[in-house]
Amino acid sequence: MQNFYHLGDFFVVSNSFKTFFDLHAGCSFEARAIRTKHPQDVEHEPYWAMKVATRVDCLLPDKSVRTQPSWITDPPPCFSERAIDTALADDVAPYFANKGSSTYFSYPGHGVGRVCMDFSSVPAGVKLFEPLYWPHFLVVDVLFARELERQCKGGAFGYYFWTLGFDDVTAEYNSLLHSLR
């Protein structure tokens, strides 16, 4: 069994991997023990579902841009122009509000071009975090990412998680998907 699975919004990790995260990531997590069942009833250590809970307001929305289709000649729009700002109904606001008590706010998650961040806003020692208002994306320190990959066991190299740069996120992601086919 693998000791690390990246499943979008959260990780599933072995107990020993959870300890590694707790000691070295420099961030906080929401973590819950989960029950796992191996197809051949092989005994294994406990596993955890972990979600990065550290959010840092470091994204520069006026300097970060979306991509444009090739037929559009206008300059690409910045994140602040394409942000989602939605007032939530009272019955769902407690579950989804992330800006005030009744608003969901998010920068673009698809068609991402260049992303600019103010890394001076990141607290010292934090090696993994989610940028505030940019869900589904995590930022990881490059040295920590290398150590994280060295800790991964039981699967195929290159398939535990992927790291991307900040210059053309969607193009780099698509290129990586193509090369791993």
C-alpha atoms as a PDB file:
ATOM      1  CA  MET A   1       0.000   0.000   0.000  1.00  0.00           C
ATOM      2  CA  GLN A   2       1.093   3.544  -0.640  1.00  0.00           C
ATOM      3  CA  ASN A   3       1.739   5.700   2.384  1.00  0.00           C
ATOM      4  CA  PHE A   4       0.564   8.914   0.654  1.00  0.00           C
ATOM      5  CA  TYR A   5      -2.405   9.657  -1.609  1.00  0.00           C
ATOM      6  CA  HIS A   6      -3.235  13.180  -2.800  1.00  0.00           C
ATOM      7  CA  LEU A   7      -6.985  13.253  -3.396  1.00  0.00           C
ATOM      8  CA  GLY A   8      -7.710  16.826  -4.412  1.00  0.00           C
ATOM      9  CA  ASP A   9      -8.738  18.708  -1.282  1.00  0.00           C
ATOM     10  CA  PHE A  10      -7.090  16.302   1.112  1.00  0.00           C
ATOM     11  CA  PHE A  11      -4.428  13.643   1.572  1.00  0.00           C
ATOM     12  CA  VAL A  12      -4.800  10.085   2.810  1.00  0.00           C
ATOM     13  CA  VAL A  13      -1.618   9.160   4.645  1.00  0.00           C
ATOM     14  CA  SER A  14      -0.209   6.425   6.819  1.00  0.00           C
ATOM     15  CA  ASN A  15       0.338   7.050  10.514  1.00  0.00           C
ATOM     16  CA  SER A  16       4.100   7.427   9.992  1.00  0.00           C
ATOM     17  CA  PHE A  17       3.520   9.904   7.155  1.00  0.00           C
ATOM     18  CA  LYS A  18       1.158  11.908   9.373  1.00  0.00           C
ATOM     19  CA  THR A  19       3.973  12.138  11.918  1.00  0.00           C
ATOM     20  CA  PHE A  20       6.326  13.388   9.170  1.00  0.00           C
ATOM     21  CA  PHE A  21       3.793  16.082   8.192  1.00  0.00           C
ATOM     22  CA  ASP A  22       3.186  17.113  11.797  1.00  0.00           C
ATOM     23  CA  LEU A  23       6.923  17.470  12.437  1.00  0.00           C
ATOM     24  CA  HIS A  24       8.099  19.079   9.207  1.00  0.00           C
ATOM     25  CA  ALA A  25       5.328  20.855   7.216  1.00  0.00           C
ATOM     26  CA  GLY A  26       5.133  23.905   9.472  1.00  0.00           C
ATOM     27  CA  CYS A  27       1.399  24.207   8.896  1.00  0.00           C
ATOM     28  CA  SER A  28      -1.762  23.051  10.603  1.00  0.00           C
ATOM     29  CA  PHE A  29      -4.048  20.300   9.378  1.00  0.00           C
ATOM     30  CA  GLU A  30      -7.557  19.084   9.901  1.00  0.00           C
ATOM     31  CA  ALA A  31      -6.959  15.367  10.461  1.00  0.00           C
ATOM     32  CA  ARG A  32      -9.290  12.428  11.078  1.00  0.00           C
ATOM     33  CA  ALA A  33      -8.447   8.785  11.498  1.00  0.00           C
ATOM     34  CA  ILE A  34     -10.045   6.701   8.776  1.00  0.00           C
ATOM     35  CA  ARG A  35     -10.822   3.024   8.448  1.00  0.00           C
ATOM     36  CA  THR A  36      -9.104   1.320   5.546  1.00  0.00           C
ATOM     37  CA  LYS A  37      -9.523  -2.198   4.273  1.00  0.00           C
ATOM     38  CA  HIS A  38      -6.892  -3.915   2.174  1.00  0.00           C
ATOM     39  CA  PRO A  39      -8.325  -6.299  -0.456  1.00  0.00           C
ATOM     40  CA  GLN A  40      -6.265  -9.231   0.867  1.00  0.00           C
ATOM     41  CA  ASP A  41      -6.858  -8.308   4.534  1.00  0.00           C
ATOM     42  CA  VAL A  42      -3.178  -7.439   4.950  1.00  0.00           C
ATOM     43  CA  GLU A  43      -2.490  -5.737   8.270  1.00  0.00           C
ATOM     44  CA  HIS A  44      -1.294  -2.165   7.931  1.00  0.00           C
ATOM     45  CA  GLU A  45      -0.743   0.855  10.123  1.00  0.00           C
ATOM     46  CA  PRO A  46      -3.576   3.335  10.737  1.00  0.00           C
ATOM     47  CA  TYR A  47      -4.374   5.859   8.013  1.00  0.00           C
ATOM     48  CA  TRP A  48      -5.529   9.471   8.221  1.00  0.00           C
ATOM     49  CA  ALA A  49      -7.433  11.939   6.061  1.00  0.00           C
ATOM     50  CA  MET A  50      -5.585  15.254   6.276  1.00  0.00           C
ATOM     51  CA  LYS A  51      -6.502  18.666   4.887  1.00  0.00           C
ATOM     52  CA  VAL A  52      -4.158  21.640   4.979  1.00  0.00           C
ATOM     53  CA  ALA A  53      -5.791  24.206   7.263  1.00  0.00           C
ATOM     54  CA  THR A  54      -3.157  26.941   7.022  1.00  0.00           C
ATOM     55  CA  ARG A  55      -4.296  29.686   4.669  1.00  0.00           C
ATOM     56  CA  VAL A  56      -2.063  32.627   3.843  1.00  0.00           C
ATOM     57  CA  ASP A  57      -3.193  35.878   2.238  1.00  0.00           C
ATOM     58  CA  CYS A  58      -0.274  36.216  -0.170  1.00  0.00           C
ATOM     59  CA  LEU A  59      -1.766  36.019  -3.677  1.00  0.00           C
ATOM     60  CA  LEU A  60      -1.471  39.257  -5.652  1.00  0.00           C
ATOM     61  CA  PRO A  61      -4.751  39.287  -7.623  1.00  0.00           C
ATOM     62  CA  ASP A  62      -3.982  42.382  -9.723  1.00  0.00           C
ATOM     63  CA  LYS A  63      -0.724  40.839 -10.985  1.00  0.00           C
ATOM     64  CA  SER A  64      -1.952  37.238 -11.411  1.00  0.00           C
ATOM     65  CA  VAL A  65      -3.649  36.503 -14.740  1.00  0.00           C
ATOM     66  CA  ARG A  66      -5.885  33.980 -16.414  1.00  0.00           C
ATOM     67  CA  THR A  67      -5.095  32.510 -19.800  1.00  0.00           C
ATOM     68  CA  GLN A  68      -6.863  33.663 -22.953  1.00  0.00           C
ATOM     69  CA  PRO A  69      -7.942  31.589 -25.953  1.00  0.00           C
ATOM     70  CA  SER A  70      -5.632  32.191 -28.929  1.00  0.00           C
ATOM     71  CA  TRP A  71      -8.327  34.032 -30.905  1.00  0.00           C
ATOM     72  CA  ILE A  72      -8.756  36.740 -28.248  1.00  0.00           C
ATOM     73  CA  THR A  73      -6.256  39.541 -28.660  1.00  0.00           C
ATOM     74  CA  ASP A  74      -7.139  41.496 -25.514  1.00  0.00           C
ATOM     75  CA  PRO A  75      -4.698  41.293 -22.615  1.00  0.00           C
ATOM     76  CA  PRO A  76      -5.486  38.414 -20.251  1.00  0.00           C
ATOM     77  CA  PRO A  77      -7.739  39.380 -17.331  1.00  0.00           C
ATOM     78  CA  CYS A  78      -6.251  39.532 -13.857  1.00  0.00           C
ATOM     79  CA  PHE A  79      -7.591  37.435 -11.012  1.00  0.00           C
ATOM     80  CA  SER A  80      -9.286  40.410  -9.359  1.00  0.00           C
ATOM     81  CA  GLU A  81     -11.391  40.893 -12.524  1.00  0.00           C
ATOM     82  CA  ARG A  82     -12.479  37.237 -12.567  1.00  0.00           C
ATOM     83  CA  ALA A  83     -12.987  36.562  -8.862  1.00  0.00           C
ATOM     84  CA  ILE A  84     -16.165  34.846  -7.718  1.00  0.00           C
ATOM     85  CA  ASP A  85     -17.958  36.829  -5.015  1.00  0.00           C
ATOM     86  CA  THR A  86     -21.236  35.179  -4.002  1.00  0.00           C
ATOM     87  CA  ALA A  87     -23.693  35.993  -1.235  1.00  0.00           C
ATOM     88  CA  LEU A  88     -24.790  32.708   0.327  1.00  0.00           C
ATOM     89  CA  ALA A  89     -28.216  31.695   1.599  1.00  0.00           C
ATOM     90  CA  ASP A  90     -28.519  31.441   5.380  1.00  0.00           C
ATOM     91  CA  ASP A  91     -28.823  27.634   5.353  1.00  0.00           C
ATOM     92  CA  VAL A  92     -25.479  27.075   3.531  1.00  0.00           C
ATOM     93  CA  ALA A  93     -23.458  30.081   4.708  1.00  0.00           C
ATOM     94  CA  PRO A  94     -22.098  28.359   7.856  1.00  0.00           C
ATOM     95  CA  TYR A  95     -20.582  25.626   5.668  1.00  0.00           C
ATOM     96  CA  PHE A  96     -19.196  27.579   2.712  1.00  0.00           C
ATOM     97  CA  ALA A  97     -18.629  31.208   3.752  1.00  0.00           C
ATOM     98  CA  ASN A  98     -14.949  32.105   3.662  1.00  0.00           C
ATOM     99  CA  LYS A  99     -15.179  35.905   3.641  1.00  0.00           C
ATOM    100  CA  GLY A 100     -17.300  37.260   6.446  1.00  0.00           C
ATOM    101  CA  SER A 101     -20.244  35.224   7.682  1.00  0.00           C
ATOM    102  CA  SER A 102     -22.232  34.924   4.452  1.00  0.00           C
ATOM    103  CA  THR A 103     -19.935  35.338   1.433  1.00  0.00           C
ATOM    104  CA  TYR A 104     -17.993  32.848  -0.661  1.00  0.00           C
ATOM    105  CA  PHE A 105     -15.021  34.450  -2.456  1.00  0.00           C
ATOM    106  CA  SER A 106     -12.590  32.717  -4.794  1.00  0.00           C
ATOM    107  CA  TYR A 107      -9.990  33.519  -7.419  1.00  0.00           C
ATOM    108  CA  PRO A 108     -10.028  31.550 -10.706  1.00  0.00           C
ATOM    109  CA  GLY A 109      -9.179  27.872 -10.518  1.00  0.00           C
ATOM    110  CA  HIS A 110      -9.187  27.087 -14.254  1.00  0.00           C
ATOM    111  CA  GLY A 111      -7.355  28.725 -17.112  1.00  0.00           C
ATOM    112  CA  VAL A 112      -4.631  29.950 -14.781  1.00  0.00           C
ATOM    113  CA  GLY A 113      -1.736  31.779 -16.394  1.00  0.00           C
ATOM    114  CA  ARG A 114       0.885  33.597 -14.325  1.00  0.00           C
ATOM    115  CA  VAL A 115       0.430  33.665 -10.556  1.00  0.00           C
ATOM    116  CA  CYS A 116       2.182  36.298  -8.450  1.00  0.00           C
ATOM    117  CA  MET A 117       2.547  36.009  -4.701  1.00  0.00           C
ATOM    118  CA  ASP A 118       3.988  38.074  -1.897  1.00  0.00           C
ATOM    119  CA  PHE A 119       6.003  35.433  -0.090  1.00  0.00           C
ATOM    120  CA  SER A 120       6.982  37.900   2.634  1.00  0.00           C
ATOM    121  CA  SER A 121       3.423  37.286   3.952  1.00  0.00           C
ATOM    122  CA  VAL A 122       4.179  33.625   4.607  1.00  0.00           C
ATOM    123  CA  PRO A 123       5.088  33.011   8.260  1.00  0.00           C
ATOM    124  CA  ALA A 124       8.592  31.680   8.876  1.00  0.00           C
ATOM    125  CA  GLY A 125       8.752  27.893   8.930  1.00  0.00           C
ATOM    126  CA  VAL A 126       5.546  27.329   6.921  1.00  0.00           C
ATOM    127  CA  LYS A 127       6.432  24.931   4.103  1.00  0.00           C
ATOM    128  CA  LEU A 128       2.935  24.038   2.918  1.00  0.00           C
ATOM    129  CA  PHE A 129      -0.194  26.204   2.752  1.00  0.00           C
ATOM    130  CA  GLU A 130      -3.279  27.112   0.760  1.00  0.00           C
ATOM    131  CA  PRO A 131      -3.365  30.667  -0.578  1.00  0.00           C
ATOM    132  CA  LEU A 132      -6.350  32.521   0.870  1.00  0.00           C
ATOM    133  CA  TYR A 133      -9.290  32.587  -1.574  1.00  0.00           C
ATOM    134  CA  TRP A 134      -7.564  30.174  -3.978  1.00  0.00           C
ATOM    135  CA  PRO A 135      -8.992  26.780  -2.980  1.00  0.00           C
ATOM    136  CA  HIS A 136      -7.759  23.513  -4.446  1.00  0.00           C
ATOM    137  CA  PHE A 137      -4.251  24.887  -4.861  1.00  0.00           C
ATOM    138  CA  LEU A 138      -1.448  24.330  -2.391  1.00  0.00           C
ATOM    139  CA  VAL A 139       1.910  26.057  -2.297  1.00  0.00           C
ATOM    140  CA  VAL A 140       4.841  23.968  -1.140  1.00  0.00           C
ATOM    141  CA  ASP A 141       8.448  24.908  -0.458  1.00  0.00           C
ATOM    142  CA  VAL A 142      10.572  23.247  -3.164  1.00  0.00           C
ATOM    143  CA  LEU A 143      13.000  21.636  -0.679  1.00  0.00           C
ATOM    144  CA  PHE A 144      10.113  20.329   1.401  1.00  0.00           C
ATOM    145  CA  ALA A 145       8.480  18.928  -1.771  1.00  0.00           C
ATOM    146  CA  ARG A 146      11.652  16.965  -2.545  1.00  0.00           C
ATOM    147  CA  GLU A 147      11.755  15.564   0.995  1.00  0.00           C
ATOM    148  CA  LEU A 148       8.048  14.794   0.805  1.00  0.00           C
ATOM    149  CA  GLU A 149       8.616  12.784  -2.361  1.00  0.00           C
ATOM    150  CA  ARG A 150      11.483  10.872  -0.711  1.00  0.00           C
ATOM    151  CA  GLN A 151       9.087   9.877   2.083  1.00  0.00           C
ATOM    152  CA  CYS A 152       6.503   8.454  -0.361  1.00  0.00           C
ATOM    153  CA  LYS A 153       6.499   4.650  -0.565  1.00  0.00           C
ATOM    154  CA  GLY A 154       4.479   1.941  -2.276  1.00  0.00           C
ATOM    155  CA  GLY A 155       3.607   3.602  -5.586  1.00  0.00           C
ATOM    156  CA  ALA A 156       5.191   4.846  -8.804  1.00  0.00           C
ATOM    157  CA  PHE A 157       7.618   7.776  -8.922  1.00  0.00           C
ATOM    158  CA  GLY A 158       5.915  10.914 -10.268  1.00  0.00           C
ATOM    159  CA  TYR A 159       2.393   9.850  -9.370  1.00  0.00           C
ATOM    160  CA  TYR A 160       2.131  10.784  -5.688  1.00  0.00           C
ATOM    161  CA  PHE A 161       1.770  14.506  -6.359  1.00  0.00           C
ATOM    162  CA  TRP A 162       2.938  17.089  -8.897  1.00  0.00           C
ATOM    163  CA  THR A 163       4.506  20.454  -8.381  1.00  0.00           C
ATOM    164  CA  LEU A 164       4.009  23.257 -10.878  1.00  0.00           C
ATOM    165  CA  GLY A 165       5.621  26.649 -11.325  1.00  0.00           C
ATOM    166  CA  PHE A 166       3.870  30.016 -11.225  1.00  0.00           C
ATOM    167  CA  ASP A 167       4.449  31.196 -14.814  1.00  0.00           C
ATOM    168  CA  ASP A 168       1.807  29.310 -16.836  1.00  0.00           C
ATOM    169  CA  VAL A 169       0.029  26.970 -14.447  1.00  0.00           C
ATOM    170  CA  THR A 170      -2.595  25.488 -16.777  1.00  0.00           C
ATOM    171  CA  ALA A 171      -0.145  24.934 -19.666  1.00  0.00           C
ATOM    172  CA  GLU A 172       2.383  23.297 -17.341  1.00  0.00           C
ATOM    173  CA  TYR A 173      -0.335  21.087 -15.840  1.00  0.00           C
ATOM    174  CA  ASN A 174      -1.560  19.994 -19.292  1.00  0.00           C
ATOM    175  CA  SER A 175       2.000  19.319 -20.445  1.00  0.00           C
ATOM    176  CA  LEU A 176       2.660  17.202 -17.360  1.00  0.00           C
ATOM    177  CA  LEU A 177      -0.547  15.209 -17.902  1.00  0.00           C
ATOM    178  CA  HIS A 178       0.468  14.582 -21.494  1.00  0.00           C
ATOM    179  CA  SER A 179       3.989  13.440 -20.604  1.00  0.00           C
ATOM    180  CA  LEU A 180       2.711  11.032 -17.924  1.00  0.00           C
ATOM    181  CA  ARG A 181       0.299   9.260 -20.300  1.00  0.00           C
END
